[in-house]
Structure formats: structure tokens, C-alpha cells
Amino acid sequence: MTSNLAVSVSLNVSGQLPIATSAASAQRTADGRVQFENDNYRITAGDNDEVIIFNKGTGESYRIWGDPHVEIDGKHAFDFWGQTTFQLDDGTKVTIETTPWDKGGNGATVASVVTITDGDYGVQISGVDSNTAGDLSFQEFAGGGRVLDAAVRDGNVLLENETGRGFLAVDRDGNIRHVDQAFILATDELKNGGPDFLAHFAEILAFFTGLMSISFNGGLALGTDNPHRVRESAAMPVPWQFSMTLSISA
């Protein structure tokens, strides 16, 4: 008696190779400051209450200084008091933890600890405040950026305006707002009872922040576009396919 056995297995897998992430690093500068840099941004912090964020692609500059003031391209935009995160166009997050200012009054604070995350890379810069001189230091978390991001509270989240100047944010009603002093006064945690103030609408904030990213990709236009902003063609993922066929006969 003769028997024939034939087995055929076919497997097809398709997808996309992930886009390579930009290299990020931090180092001391010649004048003693700490400088983070990736493909899109250069962020510098000193021990004088100052943090400067420079967008290489657009030429825009954001300066956080004093108790703390925010300047956009050299013009005062708003002040803040409590923990605040500046989320940049490429996903880099800059979280500024504040501390009471020894030389100030009426609840004045200054930047103290700056946490920067870019994908799997992170760096935490401490001693930024001027309360103690000479204590500026930094610690890198290569490969641990996402863990660092999860461990550090965001506070008030402000998103760099991808289609214009300044920053956008989501208010407690889910509305997208240009960030100005009135918005900060209504949402800054220290001006509204402490960190627990932001906790009750954290979910809605995350939800609408995601929608904002989708809207940006679809061409959301808010405010006057920055004439210096140069749009670069985005690198697209490379499609790939994998096929395997197994045949057994007897």
C-alpha cells in the first residue's frame, strides 16, 4: 500500500521598518553650561535660572529665565510658576521643575531641575537655579529615556506650535488654546492649589493632545505661520515583506 503525504505551509508578513531615531547627547560647554543636542534642537542650561531651547529647523528660540519668564524670539510671552513641560515638534520633551527663589518674594520660583527626553535617550540637569552657585550637574539615561519620562511628572503641558509661533495647549474644556499669560494663570499648578489641580483632567489633556498631533499632520492652521519655518520632506518608513513556504512530501 502506498500513501502520499503533502503538507504546504505559507507565511506572508508585511510591514514597515522603523524610522531611525536621531542621535541625542549632552555635554559640558566651554563656559560651564550643560548642552543637549539632537538633530532638531539645541537646549542649553546654566546655573543662572536660564534654559534656552533653539529649534535648528525654524531658527526659533525659547528662553526661560528669571522667575520664570518665557521669551519667544526675544519677546516676552508669559511667566509660569509650577512644573511645566514644553513638548517640541519632534517629540522631545523638556520638563522644568521649579523651586522657590531665595531672592524673590510673593511665591516667586525659578527653574531648578530640567529633564529632557528624546525617545530612548534622556538627560536630567540639576542645579539650574541660582539659589546655590556652582552645583550645576547632569546625568544621562542612554536607553532609559522612556523610563525617565514616565518617572517625571509633566505638570502643565505646552506644545510647540508646529504651524506658527509660540505654544499651544488644551484647556480643561478640551479646547485648543494659544498659550498666553491668561492661560497660564488658569492652569499653572502653583497658581491653582498645587499639583493635584491638574490631576483631574490629565486624561482629557492626553486625549486632546493626541488629537492635536493628528490635526497638525492634517494641516491644522492656527495663527500666522512663521515665515522663517522651513518645511523639510519627512523620511518615510521603508516597506518590507517577508515570505516563507514550507513543503513536505512523503
Protein backbone atom coordinates (compact mmCIF):
# COMPACT_ATOMS: atom_id res chain seq x y z
CA MET A 1 0.00 0.00 0.00
CA THR A 2 1.32 3.36 -0.96
CA SER A 3 0.39 6.62 0.76
CA ASN A 4 1.32 10.14 -0.18
CA LEU A 5 1.53 12.91 2.37
CA ALA A 6 1.88 16.50 1.27
CA VAL A 7 2.00 19.43 3.61
CA SER A 8 2.36 23.01 2.49
CA VAL A 9 2.73 25.96 4.82
CA SER A 10 2.88 29.52 3.58
CA LEU A 11 3.61 32.55 5.73
CA ASN A 12 3.49 36.11 4.49
CA VAL A 13 4.39 39.04 6.69
CA SER A 14 4.44 42.65 5.63
CA GLY A 15 5.15 45.85 7.48
CA GLN A 16 7.50 48.78 7.69
CA LEU A 17 10.97 49.19 9.04
CA PRO A 18 11.05 51.72 11.89
CA ILE A 19 12.46 55.15 11.14
CA ALA A 20 15.90 55.58 12.67
CA THR A 21 15.81 57.92 15.62
CA SER A 22 18.16 60.89 15.77
CA ALA A 23 21.23 60.68 17.94
CA ALA A 24 20.97 62.74 21.11
CA SER A 25 23.65 63.60 23.65
CA ALA A 26 24.56 66.04 26.39
CA GLN A 27 27.87 67.64 27.30
CA ARG A 28 29.53 70.49 29.15
CA THR A 29 30.18 73.60 27.14
CA ALA A 30 33.34 75.69 27.37
CA ASP A 31 31.57 78.21 29.61
CA GLY A 32 30.41 75.52 32.06
CA ARG A 33 26.80 75.14 30.96
CA VAL A 34 25.12 71.84 30.03
CA GLN A 35 24.00 71.41 26.43
CA PHE A 36 21.63 68.80 25.00
CA GLU A 37 21.58 68.33 21.25
CA ASN A 38 19.78 66.14 18.73
CA ASP A 39 19.12 66.55 15.01
CA ASN A 40 16.46 69.21 15.54
CA TYR A 41 17.18 71.09 18.77
CA ARG A 42 19.95 72.53 20.90
CA ILE A 43 18.97 73.05 24.55
CA THR A 44 21.32 74.79 26.96
CA ALA A 45 21.00 75.23 30.74
CA GLY A 46 23.21 77.14 33.14
CA ASP A 47 23.25 77.65 36.90
CA ASN A 48 21.67 81.09 36.48
CA ASP A 49 17.96 80.07 36.27
CA GLU A 50 18.18 80.03 32.46
CA VAL A 51 17.21 77.44 29.85
CA ILE A 52 17.44 78.18 26.12
CA ILE A 53 15.71 75.99 23.53
CA PHE A 54 16.80 76.52 19.93
CA ASN A 55 14.91 74.98 17.01
CA LYS A 56 17.51 74.31 14.31
CA GLY A 57 14.94 73.89 11.57
CA THR A 58 13.00 77.11 12.11
CA GLY A 59 15.52 79.33 13.87
CA GLU A 60 13.01 79.92 16.67
CA SER A 61 14.41 80.40 20.16
CA TYR A 62 12.66 79.97 23.50
CA ARG A 63 14.34 81.42 26.57
CA ILE A 64 13.19 80.50 30.08
CA TRP A 65 14.83 82.73 32.65
CA GLY A 66 14.29 84.54 35.94
CA ASP A 67 11.22 83.67 37.98
CA PRO A 68 10.50 82.11 35.29
CA HIS A 69 9.77 84.29 32.27
CA VAL A 70 9.37 82.81 28.78
CA GLU A 71 10.67 84.71 25.78
CA ILE A 72 9.87 83.68 22.21
CA ASP A 73 12.40 85.02 19.72
CA GLY A 74 13.44 87.70 22.20
CA LYS A 75 9.92 88.88 23.09
CA HIS A 76 8.29 88.23 26.45
CA ALA A 77 5.35 85.82 26.07
CA PHE A 78 4.33 84.71 29.57
CA ASP A 79 5.51 83.74 33.06
CA PHE A 80 4.93 80.46 34.91
CA TRP A 81 5.41 79.23 38.46
CA GLY A 82 4.87 75.46 38.77
CA GLN A 83 6.25 72.40 37.00
CA THR A 84 5.88 72.84 33.24
CA THR A 85 6.66 70.68 30.21
CA PHE A 86 7.50 72.10 26.79
CA GLN A 87 6.78 69.38 24.21
CA LEU A 88 8.65 70.13 21.00
CA ASP A 89 7.76 69.41 17.39
CA ASP A 90 9.88 66.27 17.09
CA GLY A 91 8.55 64.75 20.33
CA THR A 92 11.40 65.92 22.54
CA LYS A 93 10.09 66.86 25.98
CA VAL A 94 11.62 69.49 28.24
CA THR A 95 10.20 69.37 31.77
CA ILE A 96 11.17 72.20 34.10
CA GLU A 97 10.82 71.62 37.82
CA THR A 98 10.78 74.87 39.76
CA THR A 99 11.85 75.74 43.30
CA PRO A 100 11.22 78.79 45.49
CA TRP A 101 13.60 81.63 44.68
CA ASP A 102 15.66 82.66 47.71
CA LYS A 103 15.91 86.26 46.49
CA GLY A 104 12.29 86.54 45.44
CA GLY A 105 9.01 87.08 47.17
CA ASN A 106 5.29 86.61 46.68
CA GLY A 107 5.69 82.96 45.66
CA ALA A 108 8.42 83.57 43.07
CA THR A 109 10.09 80.43 41.73
CA VAL A 110 13.00 79.64 39.42
CA ALA A 111 13.93 76.69 37.20
CA SER A 112 15.78 74.08 39.23
CA VAL A 113 15.79 70.66 37.53
CA VAL A 114 15.43 70.22 33.76
CA THR A 115 14.53 66.80 32.39
CA ILE A 116 14.91 66.25 28.63
CA THR A 117 13.75 63.09 26.89
CA ASP A 118 14.02 62.13 23.22
CA GLY A 119 12.77 58.62 22.64
CA ASP A 120 15.10 56.20 24.40
CA TYR A 121 17.52 58.94 25.41
CA GLY A 122 17.16 61.14 28.46
CA VAL A 123 19.18 63.59 30.48
CA GLN A 124 18.42 65.29 33.78
CA ILE A 125 20.12 68.59 34.60
CA SER A 126 20.08 69.75 38.21
CA GLY A 127 21.33 72.85 39.97
CA VAL A 128 19.92 75.17 37.31
CA ASP A 129 18.58 77.55 39.97
CA SER A 130 20.77 80.35 41.26
CA ASN A 131 19.99 79.64 44.92
CA THR A 132 23.28 77.75 45.22
CA ALA A 133 26.20 78.65 42.98
CA GLY A 134 28.39 76.04 41.34
CA ASP A 135 26.13 72.99 41.74
CA LEU A 136 25.13 72.53 38.09
CA SER A 137 25.35 68.85 37.11
CA PHE A 138 23.75 66.38 34.72
CA GLN A 139 23.07 62.67 34.41
CA GLU A 140 22.42 60.90 31.13
CA PHE A 141 19.99 58.00 30.72
CA ALA A 142 21.05 56.46 27.42
CA GLY A 143 18.49 53.77 26.61
CA GLY A 144 16.32 54.83 29.55
CA GLY A 145 14.60 57.90 28.17
CA ARG A 146 11.09 56.45 28.26
CA VAL A 147 11.55 55.23 31.83
CA LEU A 148 12.79 58.67 32.84
CA ASP A 149 9.85 60.31 31.08
CA ALA A 150 7.40 58.07 32.95
CA ALA A 151 9.09 58.81 36.27
CA VAL A 152 8.95 62.61 35.96
CA ARG A 153 5.65 64.43 36.39
CA ASP A 154 4.76 66.60 33.38
CA GLY A 155 2.92 69.36 35.21
CA ASN A 156 1.43 71.91 32.82
CA VAL A 157 1.98 70.69 29.24
CA LEU A 158 2.63 73.22 26.47
CA LEU A 159 3.12 72.08 22.86
CA GLU A 160 5.32 73.87 20.37
CA ASN A 161 3.09 75.27 17.64
CA GLU A 162 4.03 73.29 14.55
CA THR A 163 2.20 75.65 12.21
CA GLY A 164 3.06 79.02 13.74
CA ARG A 165 4.83 80.83 16.55
CA GLY A 166 4.77 80.02 20.23
CA PHE A 167 2.93 77.25 22.07
CA LEU A 168 -0.50 75.63 22.13
CA ALA A 169 -2.24 73.73 24.91
CA VAL A 170 -5.54 72.14 25.84
CA ASP A 171 -7.72 73.75 28.49
CA ARG A 172 -9.98 71.91 30.96
CA ASP A 173 -12.86 72.05 28.48
CA GLY A 174 -10.87 70.32 25.78
CA ASN A 175 -10.35 73.48 23.72
CA ILE A 176 -7.06 74.11 21.91
CA ARG A 177 -5.64 77.43 23.07
CA HIS A 178 -2.72 79.62 22.21
CA VAL A 179 -0.63 79.86 25.36
CA ASP A 180 -0.62 83.36 26.85
CA GLN A 181 -0.48 84.74 30.37
CA ALA A 182 -4.24 84.28 30.89
CA PHE A 183 -3.95 80.58 30.03
CA ILE A 184 -1.02 80.09 32.41
CA LEU A 185 -2.84 81.83 35.25
CA ALA A 186 -5.79 79.47 34.75
CA THR A 187 -3.72 76.26 34.50
CA ASP A 188 -0.43 76.68 36.38
CA GLU A 189 -0.46 74.22 39.28
CA LEU A 190 1.06 76.58 41.85
CA LYS A 191 -1.45 79.29 40.98
CA ASN A 192 -4.32 76.85 41.45
CA GLY A 193 -3.67 74.89 44.63
CA GLY A 194 -0.77 72.60 43.79
CA PRO A 195 -0.06 69.52 41.63
CA ASP A 196 -3.43 67.89 42.39
CA PHE A 197 -5.09 70.69 40.42
CA LEU A 198 -4.00 69.13 37.10
CA ALA A 199 -4.69 65.53 38.04
CA HIS A 200 -8.46 65.64 37.49
CA PHE A 201 -8.19 66.46 33.80
CA ALA A 202 -5.00 64.58 32.93
CA GLU A 203 -6.92 62.08 30.80
CA ILE A 204 -8.69 64.72 28.74
CA LEU A 205 -5.39 66.52 28.32
CA ALA A 206 -3.71 63.39 26.97
CA PHE A 207 -6.66 62.65 24.67
CA PHE A 208 -6.82 66.07 23.11
CA THR A 209 -3.04 66.33 22.90
CA GLY A 210 -3.18 63.24 20.70
CA LEU A 211 -5.85 64.84 18.56
CA MET A 212 -3.70 67.93 18.19
CA SER A 213 -0.90 65.81 16.77
CA ILE A 214 -3.30 64.26 14.28
CA SER A 215 -4.61 67.69 13.34
CA PHE A 216 -1.09 69.00 12.79
CA ASN A 217 -0.39 66.16 10.38
CA GLY A 218 -3.59 67.04 8.57
CA GLY A 219 -2.58 70.67 8.17
CA LEU A 220 -4.13 72.45 11.13
CA ALA A 221 -3.54 76.18 10.78
CA LEU A 222 -3.56 78.18 13.97
CA GLY A 223 -2.17 81.69 13.93
CA THR A 224 0.21 83.25 11.49
CA ASP A 225 2.76 80.85 10.07
CA ASN A 226 6.36 81.65 10.86
CA PRO A 227 7.91 82.94 7.62
CA HIS A 228 11.28 81.52 8.70
CA ARG A 229 9.95 77.99 9.16
CA VAL A 230 11.42 75.72 6.50
CA ARG A 231 9.48 72.56 5.85
CA GLU A 232 11.61 69.54 5.17
CA SER A 233 10.39 66.42 3.49
CA ALA A 234 9.91 63.70 6.08
CA ALA A 235 11.79 60.44 5.75
CA MET A 236 9.23 57.73 5.11
CA PRO A 237 9.47 54.19 6.52
CA VAL A 238 10.79 51.62 4.07
CA PRO A 239 8.17 48.94 3.24
CA TRP A 240 9.27 45.39 3.63
CA GLN A 241 7.81 41.96 3.07
CA PHE A 242 8.76 38.52 4.27
CA SER A 243 7.55 35.26 2.75
CA MET A 244 8.23 31.67 3.78
CA THR A 245 6.92 28.49 2.16
CA LEU A 246 7.43 25.05 3.66
CA SER A 247 6.56 21.89 1.72
CA ILE A 248 6.79 18.32 3.00
CA SER A 249 6.01 15.33 0.88
CA ALA A 250 6.25 11.62 1.51
